[in-house]
């Protein structure tokens, strides 16, 4: 279980840095929503760069991803299930927990609901690919 946590954290953080932020950048350029990729702007409460905060929380989401994977099945069906679960869960937390904490009220807006779902699904796909590329620990 220990290696699963480490690998999940690393895969989640790397997926933010390499996959999610790239998708956000190009999505913003194409008018799909998003933007501000790889932002170094400080975020409260500690003033760390936004990208560092995003990578850290991506790592935590990666730990959750590796925790649910054994329950979603194997192969393509399991991977698709894990991606869908993570995309929906991450979006719900963003809309109904993070946005109010940041003082933005409820973050769900039906006309823009697709953006976080797509970007979070892209993150999950990236994390799964990174996990697949990691060497096995033997544990």
N, C-alpha and C. Protein backbone atom coordinates (compact mmCIF):
# COMPACT_ATOMS: atom_id res chain seq x y z
N UNK A 1 0.82 -1.20 0.00
CA UNK A 1 0.00 0.00 0.00
C UNK A 1 0.86 1.26 0.00
N UNK A 2 2.01 1.25 0.64
CA UNK A 2 2.87 2.42 0.73
C UNK A 2 3.34 2.90 -0.62
N UNK A 3 3.75 1.97 -1.48
CA UNK A 3 4.21 2.36 -2.82
C UNK A 3 3.07 2.92 -3.65
N UNK A 4 1.88 2.40 -3.45
CA UNK A 4 0.72 2.90 -4.19
C UNK A 4 0.50 4.38 -3.88
N UNK A 5 0.65 4.76 -2.63
CA UNK A 5 0.49 6.15 -2.23
C UNK A 5 1.56 7.01 -2.89
N UNK A 6 2.81 6.58 -2.83
CA UNK A 6 3.91 7.35 -3.42
C UNK A 6 3.73 7.47 -4.92
N UNK A 7 3.48 6.34 -5.59
CA UNK A 7 3.31 6.37 -7.04
C UNK A 7 2.09 7.21 -7.42
N UNK A 8 1.01 7.11 -6.67
CA UNK A 8 -0.18 7.90 -6.95
C UNK A 8 0.09 9.39 -6.82
N UNK A 9 0.82 9.76 -5.76
CA UNK A 9 1.13 11.18 -5.56
C UNK A 9 2.01 11.70 -6.69
N UNK A 10 3.04 10.98 -7.03
CA UNK A 10 3.96 11.40 -8.09
C UNK A 10 3.22 11.49 -9.43
N UNK A 11 2.42 10.48 -9.75
CA UNK A 11 1.69 10.48 -11.02
C UNK A 11 0.70 11.63 -11.08
N UNK A 12 0.00 11.88 -9.98
CA UNK A 12 -0.96 12.98 -9.95
C UNK A 12 -0.31 14.34 -10.12
N UNK A 13 0.81 14.55 -9.41
CA UNK A 13 1.52 15.82 -9.52
C UNK A 13 2.11 16.01 -10.92
N UNK A 14 2.72 14.97 -11.45
CA UNK A 14 3.29 15.07 -12.81
C UNK A 14 2.20 15.28 -13.85
N UNK A 15 1.04 14.67 -13.65
CA UNK A 15 -0.04 14.85 -14.60
C UNK A 15 -0.53 16.30 -14.61
N UNK A 16 -0.53 16.95 -13.45
CA UNK A 16 -0.87 18.38 -13.42
C UNK A 16 0.15 19.16 -14.23
N UNK A 17 1.43 18.94 -13.94
CA UNK A 17 2.49 19.73 -14.58
C UNK A 17 2.60 19.48 -16.08
N UNK A 18 2.44 18.24 -16.51
CA UNK A 18 2.68 17.90 -17.90
C UNK A 18 1.41 17.84 -18.75
N UNK A 19 0.35 17.30 -18.22
CA UNK A 19 -0.84 17.02 -19.03
C UNK A 19 -1.94 18.07 -18.80
N UNK A 20 -2.36 18.23 -17.56
CA UNK A 20 -3.46 19.14 -17.24
C UNK A 20 -3.14 20.57 -17.66
N UNK A 21 -1.97 21.05 -17.31
CA UNK A 21 -1.62 22.43 -17.64
C UNK A 21 -1.44 22.63 -19.14
N UNK A 22 -0.94 21.63 -19.84
CA UNK A 22 -0.84 21.72 -21.30
C UNK A 22 -2.23 21.79 -21.92
N UNK A 23 -3.14 20.96 -21.43
CA UNK A 23 -4.52 21.00 -21.92
C UNK A 23 -5.17 22.33 -21.61
N UNK A 24 -4.93 22.86 -20.42
CA UNK A 24 -5.48 24.15 -20.04
C UNK A 24 -4.95 25.26 -20.94
N UNK A 25 -3.66 25.21 -21.22
CA UNK A 25 -3.05 26.22 -22.09
C UNK A 25 -3.67 26.20 -23.49
N UNK A 26 -3.69 25.03 -24.10
CA UNK A 26 -4.23 24.94 -25.45
C UNK A 26 -5.75 25.15 -25.47
N UNK A 27 -6.43 24.69 -24.44
CA UNK A 27 -7.87 24.94 -24.35
C UNK A 27 -8.17 26.43 -24.29
N UNK A 28 -7.38 27.16 -23.52
CA UNK A 28 -7.55 28.61 -23.45
C UNK A 28 -7.28 29.27 -24.79
N UNK A 29 -6.25 28.82 -25.49
CA UNK A 29 -5.91 29.37 -26.81
C UNK A 29 -7.02 29.10 -27.83
N UNK A 30 -7.71 27.96 -27.68
CA UNK A 30 -8.77 27.59 -28.61
C UNK A 30 -10.14 28.12 -28.18
N UNK A 31 -10.18 28.87 -27.07
CA UNK A 31 -11.44 29.43 -26.60
C UNK A 31 -12.32 28.44 -25.87
N UNK A 32 -11.75 27.34 -25.41
CA UNK A 32 -12.51 26.30 -24.74
C UNK A 32 -12.66 26.58 -23.24
N UNK A 33 -12.07 27.62 -22.75
CA UNK A 33 -12.09 27.90 -21.32
C UNK A 33 -10.76 27.52 -20.72
N UNK A 34 -10.51 28.01 -19.57
CA UNK A 34 -9.22 27.77 -18.95
C UNK A 34 -8.30 28.93 -19.23
N UNK A 35 -7.06 28.70 -19.09
CA UNK A 35 -6.06 29.74 -19.24
C UNK A 35 -5.27 29.83 -17.96
N UNK A 36 -4.28 30.65 -17.95
CA UNK A 36 -3.47 30.80 -16.75
C UNK A 36 -2.64 29.57 -16.42
N UNK A 37 -2.30 28.81 -17.45
CA UNK A 37 -1.51 27.59 -17.22
C UNK A 37 -0.13 27.94 -16.67
N UNK A 38 0.37 27.09 -15.82
CA UNK A 38 1.68 27.23 -15.19
C UNK A 38 1.85 28.58 -14.49
N UNK A 39 0.79 29.04 -13.85
CA UNK A 39 0.80 30.34 -13.20
C UNK A 39 1.71 30.34 -11.97
N UNK A 40 2.52 31.37 -11.88
CA UNK A 40 3.39 31.55 -10.72
C UNK A 40 2.79 32.54 -9.71
N UNK A 41 1.56 32.97 -9.96
CA UNK A 41 0.89 33.90 -9.05
C UNK A 41 0.73 33.24 -7.68
N UNK A 42 1.02 33.98 -6.61
CA UNK A 42 0.87 33.40 -5.27
C UNK A 42 -0.59 33.18 -4.92
N UNK A 43 -0.85 32.06 -4.22
CA UNK A 43 -2.20 31.76 -3.77
C UNK A 43 -2.24 31.67 -2.25
N UNK A 44 -3.32 32.17 -1.65
CA UNK A 44 -3.45 32.08 -0.20
C UNK A 44 -3.62 30.64 0.23
N UNK A 45 -3.39 30.26 1.45
CA UNK A 45 -3.00 31.15 2.53
C UNK A 45 -1.49 31.28 2.69
N UNK A 46 -0.69 30.48 1.98
CA UNK A 46 0.76 30.49 2.20
C UNK A 46 1.54 31.26 1.14
N UNK A 47 0.88 31.72 0.10
CA UNK A 47 1.55 32.49 -0.94
C UNK A 47 2.43 31.67 -1.87
N UNK A 48 2.19 30.37 -1.95
CA UNK A 48 2.98 29.54 -2.87
C UNK A 48 2.47 29.76 -4.29
N UNK A 49 3.30 29.55 -5.30
CA UNK A 49 2.84 29.71 -6.68
C UNK A 49 1.65 28.79 -6.98
N UNK A 50 0.73 29.26 -7.79
CA UNK A 50 -0.47 28.50 -8.12
C UNK A 50 -0.12 27.14 -8.70
N UNK A 51 0.91 27.06 -9.52
CA UNK A 51 1.27 25.78 -10.13
C UNK A 51 1.77 24.79 -9.08
N UNK A 52 2.48 25.28 -8.06
CA UNK A 52 2.95 24.39 -6.99
C UNK A 52 1.76 23.87 -6.19
N UNK A 53 0.80 24.75 -5.91
CA UNK A 53 -0.41 24.33 -5.20
C UNK A 53 -1.18 23.31 -6.02
N UNK A 54 -1.33 23.58 -7.32
CA UNK A 54 -2.07 22.65 -8.19
C UNK A 54 -1.38 21.30 -8.26
N UNK A 55 -0.05 21.29 -8.35
CA UNK A 55 0.69 20.03 -8.40
C UNK A 55 0.54 19.25 -7.09
N UNK A 56 0.60 19.95 -5.97
CA UNK A 56 0.43 19.28 -4.67
C UNK A 56 -0.95 18.63 -4.58
N UNK A 57 -1.99 19.40 -4.90
CA UNK A 57 -3.33 18.84 -4.81
C UNK A 57 -3.57 17.78 -5.88
N UNK A 58 -2.93 17.92 -7.03
CA UNK A 58 -2.98 16.86 -8.04
C UNK A 58 -2.38 15.57 -7.50
N UNK A 59 -1.31 15.71 -6.71
CA UNK A 59 -0.71 14.54 -6.07
C UNK A 59 -1.66 13.88 -5.09
N UNK A 60 -2.38 14.68 -4.32
CA UNK A 60 -3.36 14.11 -3.39
C UNK A 60 -4.48 13.40 -4.15
N UNK A 61 -4.94 14.01 -5.24
CA UNK A 61 -5.96 13.35 -6.06
C UNK A 61 -5.41 12.06 -6.66
N UNK A 62 -4.11 12.06 -6.98
CA UNK A 62 -3.48 10.85 -7.51
C UNK A 62 -3.50 9.71 -6.51
N UNK A 63 -3.32 10.04 -5.24
CA UNK A 63 -3.41 9.02 -4.18
C UNK A 63 -4.82 8.44 -4.16
N UNK A 64 -5.83 9.30 -4.26
CA UNK A 64 -7.21 8.80 -4.31
C UNK A 64 -7.44 7.94 -5.55
N UNK A 65 -6.90 8.37 -6.68
CA UNK A 65 -7.04 7.60 -7.92
C UNK A 65 -6.49 6.19 -7.74
N UNK A 66 -5.30 6.08 -7.17
CA UNK A 66 -4.72 4.75 -6.98
C UNK A 66 -5.50 3.94 -5.95
N UNK A 67 -6.20 4.62 -5.07
CA UNK A 67 -7.02 3.90 -4.08
C UNK A 67 -8.30 3.34 -4.68
N UNK A 68 -8.86 4.03 -5.67
CA UNK A 68 -10.09 3.53 -6.27
C UNK A 68 -9.84 2.55 -7.40
N UNK A 69 -8.66 2.56 -7.98
CA UNK A 69 -8.37 1.70 -9.13
C UNK A 69 -8.66 0.22 -8.88
N UNK A 70 -8.30 -0.34 -7.73
CA UNK A 70 -8.60 -1.76 -7.52
C UNK A 70 -10.09 -2.08 -7.52
N UNK A 71 -10.93 -1.06 -7.36
CA UNK A 71 -12.37 -1.27 -7.28
C UNK A 71 -13.09 -0.99 -8.60
N UNK A 72 -12.37 -0.50 -9.61
CA UNK A 72 -13.01 -0.16 -10.87
C UNK A 72 -12.87 -1.24 -11.92
N UNK A 73 -12.10 -2.24 -11.64
CA UNK A 73 -11.89 -3.32 -12.61
C UNK A 73 -10.60 -3.12 -13.39
N UNK A 74 -10.32 -4.08 -14.25
CA UNK A 74 -9.08 -4.06 -15.01
C UNK A 74 -9.36 -3.70 -16.46
N UNK A 75 -8.32 -3.37 -17.16
CA UNK A 75 -8.44 -3.10 -18.59
C UNK A 75 -9.09 -1.76 -18.89
N UNK A 76 -9.62 -1.67 -20.09
CA UNK A 76 -10.19 -0.41 -20.57
C UNK A 76 -11.40 0.01 -19.74
N UNK A 77 -12.26 -0.94 -19.39
CA UNK A 77 -13.45 -0.61 -18.60
C UNK A 77 -13.04 -0.02 -17.24
N UNK A 78 -12.06 -0.61 -16.60
CA UNK A 78 -11.59 -0.09 -15.33
C UNK A 78 -10.98 1.30 -15.46
N UNK A 79 -10.20 1.50 -16.51
CA UNK A 79 -9.57 2.81 -16.73
C UNK A 79 -10.62 3.88 -17.01
N UNK A 80 -11.57 3.57 -17.87
CA UNK A 80 -12.64 4.54 -18.18
C UNK A 80 -13.46 4.84 -16.92
N UNK A 81 -13.75 3.82 -16.14
CA UNK A 81 -14.49 4.03 -14.90
C UNK A 81 -13.72 4.94 -13.95
N UNK A 82 -12.43 4.70 -13.78
CA UNK A 82 -11.60 5.52 -12.90
C UNK A 82 -11.56 6.97 -13.40
N UNK A 83 -11.41 7.16 -14.70
CA UNK A 83 -11.38 8.52 -15.27
C UNK A 83 -12.70 9.24 -15.01
N UNK A 84 -13.82 8.57 -15.27
CA UNK A 84 -15.11 9.20 -15.06
C UNK A 84 -15.37 9.53 -13.59
N UNK A 85 -15.03 8.60 -12.71
CA UNK A 85 -15.21 8.84 -11.28
C UNK A 85 -14.39 10.05 -10.85
N UNK A 86 -13.13 10.09 -11.25
CA UNK A 86 -12.26 11.19 -10.84
C UNK A 86 -12.72 12.52 -11.44
N UNK A 87 -13.10 12.52 -12.71
CA UNK A 87 -13.55 13.77 -13.35
C UNK A 87 -14.76 14.34 -12.64
N UNK A 88 -15.72 13.49 -12.33
CA UNK A 88 -16.94 13.96 -11.67
C UNK A 88 -16.64 14.37 -10.23
N UNK A 89 -15.90 13.55 -9.50
CA UNK A 89 -15.60 13.86 -8.10
C UNK A 89 -14.79 15.15 -7.98
N UNK A 90 -13.74 15.29 -8.79
CA UNK A 90 -12.92 16.50 -8.73
C UNK A 90 -13.73 17.74 -9.09
N UNK A 91 -14.60 17.62 -10.07
CA UNK A 91 -15.43 18.76 -10.47
C UNK A 91 -16.41 19.14 -9.36
N UNK A 92 -17.05 18.14 -8.75
CA UNK A 92 -17.98 18.41 -7.66
C UNK A 92 -17.29 19.12 -6.50
N UNK A 93 -16.10 18.65 -6.14
CA UNK A 93 -15.35 19.29 -5.06
C UNK A 93 -14.98 20.72 -5.44
N UNK A 94 -14.58 20.91 -6.68
CA UNK A 94 -14.26 22.27 -7.14
C UNK A 94 -15.45 23.21 -7.07
N UNK A 95 -16.60 22.72 -7.54
CA UNK A 95 -17.80 23.56 -7.57
C UNK A 95 -18.37 23.86 -6.19
N UNK A 96 -18.44 22.82 -5.35
CA UNK A 96 -19.20 22.94 -4.11
C UNK A 96 -18.36 23.05 -2.85
N UNK A 97 -17.03 22.89 -2.95
CA UNK A 97 -16.16 23.03 -1.78
C UNK A 97 -15.13 24.13 -2.01
N UNK A 98 -14.33 23.99 -3.06
CA UNK A 98 -13.23 24.93 -3.30
C UNK A 98 -13.74 26.34 -3.63
N UNK A 99 -14.68 26.45 -4.57
CA UNK A 99 -15.18 27.78 -4.95
C UNK A 99 -15.75 28.54 -3.75
N UNK A 100 -16.60 27.91 -2.90
CA UNK A 100 -17.08 28.65 -1.72
C UNK A 100 -15.96 29.02 -0.74
N UNK A 101 -14.98 28.14 -0.57
CA UNK A 101 -13.86 28.45 0.32
C UNK A 101 -13.12 29.68 -0.19
N UNK A 102 -13.01 29.80 -1.51
CA UNK A 102 -12.30 30.94 -2.10
C UNK A 102 -13.19 32.18 -2.20
N UNK A 103 -14.41 32.10 -1.65
CA UNK A 103 -15.30 33.25 -1.63
C UNK A 103 -16.02 33.51 -2.94
N UNK A 104 -16.11 32.51 -3.80
CA UNK A 104 -16.77 32.68 -5.09
C UNK A 104 -18.18 32.11 -5.11
N UNK A 105 -18.69 31.69 -3.97
CA UNK A 105 -20.00 31.06 -3.94
C UNK A 105 -19.95 29.69 -4.59
N UNK A 106 -21.09 29.15 -4.91
CA UNK A 106 -21.15 27.85 -5.58
C UNK A 106 -20.56 28.02 -6.97
N UNK A 107 -19.64 27.15 -7.34
CA UNK A 107 -18.93 27.29 -8.60
C UNK A 107 -19.61 26.64 -9.79
N UNK A 108 -20.70 25.93 -9.57
CA UNK A 108 -21.36 25.24 -10.69
C UNK A 108 -22.13 26.24 -11.54
N UNK A 109 -21.79 26.28 -12.81
CA UNK A 109 -22.52 27.08 -13.79
C UNK A 109 -22.80 26.14 -14.96
N UNK A 110 -24.07 25.86 -15.19
CA UNK A 110 -24.44 24.84 -16.18
C UNK A 110 -23.83 25.10 -17.55
N UNK A 111 -23.79 26.35 -17.97
CA UNK A 111 -23.28 26.66 -19.31
C UNK A 111 -21.77 26.43 -19.44
N UNK A 112 -21.07 26.33 -18.30
CA UNK A 112 -19.62 26.10 -18.34
C UNK A 112 -19.21 24.83 -17.61
N UNK A 113 -20.14 23.97 -17.28
CA UNK A 113 -19.86 22.78 -16.49
C UNK A 113 -18.96 21.80 -17.22
N UNK A 114 -18.95 21.83 -18.53
CA UNK A 114 -18.15 20.87 -19.30
C UNK A 114 -16.65 21.09 -19.11
N UNK A 115 -16.22 22.34 -18.90
CA UNK A 115 -14.79 22.63 -18.84
C UNK A 115 -14.06 21.88 -17.73
N UNK A 116 -14.50 22.00 -16.47
CA UNK A 116 -13.79 21.25 -15.43
C UNK A 116 -13.90 19.74 -15.62
N UNK A 117 -15.03 19.27 -16.10
CA UNK A 117 -15.17 17.83 -16.33
C UNK A 117 -14.14 17.34 -17.35
N UNK A 118 -13.98 18.08 -18.43
CA UNK A 118 -13.02 17.68 -19.47
C UNK A 118 -11.59 17.78 -18.96
N UNK A 119 -11.25 18.91 -18.35
CA UNK A 119 -9.87 19.08 -17.86
C UNK A 119 -9.52 18.06 -16.76
N UNK A 120 -10.47 17.76 -15.89
CA UNK A 120 -10.21 16.77 -14.85
C UNK A 120 -10.11 15.36 -15.44
N UNK A 121 -10.89 15.07 -16.47
CA UNK A 121 -10.75 13.77 -17.15
C UNK A 121 -9.39 13.67 -17.83
N UNK A 122 -8.95 14.76 -18.45
CA UNK A 122 -7.63 14.77 -19.09
C UNK A 122 -6.55 14.54 -18.04
N UNK A 123 -6.69 15.19 -16.87
CA UNK A 123 -5.72 14.95 -15.79
C UNK A 123 -5.70 13.48 -15.42
N UNK A 124 -6.87 12.87 -15.24
CA UNK A 124 -6.94 11.47 -14.82
C UNK A 124 -6.32 10.54 -15.87
N UNK A 125 -6.58 10.80 -17.14
CA UNK A 125 -5.96 10.00 -18.20
C UNK A 125 -4.44 10.13 -18.12
N UNK A 126 -3.96 11.35 -17.96
CA UNK A 126 -2.52 11.56 -17.82
C UNK A 126 -1.94 10.82 -16.63
N UNK A 127 -2.62 10.88 -15.50
CA UNK A 127 -2.14 10.19 -14.30
C UNK A 127 -2.10 8.68 -14.51
N UNK A 128 -3.13 8.14 -15.17
CA UNK A 128 -3.14 6.70 -15.45
C UNK A 128 -2.00 6.30 -16.39
N UNK A 129 -1.74 7.11 -17.39
CA UNK A 129 -0.63 6.81 -18.31
C UNK A 129 0.70 6.87 -17.57
N UNK A 130 0.88 7.89 -16.74
CA UNK A 130 2.12 8.01 -15.97
C UNK A 130 2.28 6.82 -15.02
N UNK A 131 1.19 6.43 -14.36
CA UNK A 131 1.25 5.25 -13.48
C UNK A 131 1.66 4.01 -14.27
N UNK A 132 1.13 3.88 -15.47
CA UNK A 132 1.45 2.71 -16.31
C UNK A 132 2.93 2.70 -16.70
N UNK A 133 3.52 3.89 -16.86
CA UNK A 133 4.92 3.98 -17.26
C UNK A 133 5.89 3.81 -16.09
N UNK A 134 5.39 3.87 -14.87
CA UNK A 134 6.26 3.75 -13.71
C UNK A 134 6.71 2.32 -13.52
N UNK A 135 7.95 2.14 -13.08
CA UNK A 135 8.42 0.77 -12.81
C UNK A 135 7.66 0.16 -11.64
N UNK A 136 7.50 -1.11 -11.68
CA UNK A 136 6.82 -1.82 -10.58
C UNK A 136 7.77 -1.93 -9.39
N UNK A 137 7.20 -1.76 -8.20
CA UNK A 137 8.03 -1.78 -7.00
C UNK A 137 8.32 -3.18 -6.51
N UNK A 138 7.58 -4.13 -6.99
CA UNK A 138 7.74 -5.49 -6.51
C UNK A 138 6.96 -5.75 -5.24
N UNK A 139 6.32 -4.68 -4.72
CA UNK A 139 5.54 -4.82 -3.49
C UNK A 139 4.13 -5.26 -3.79
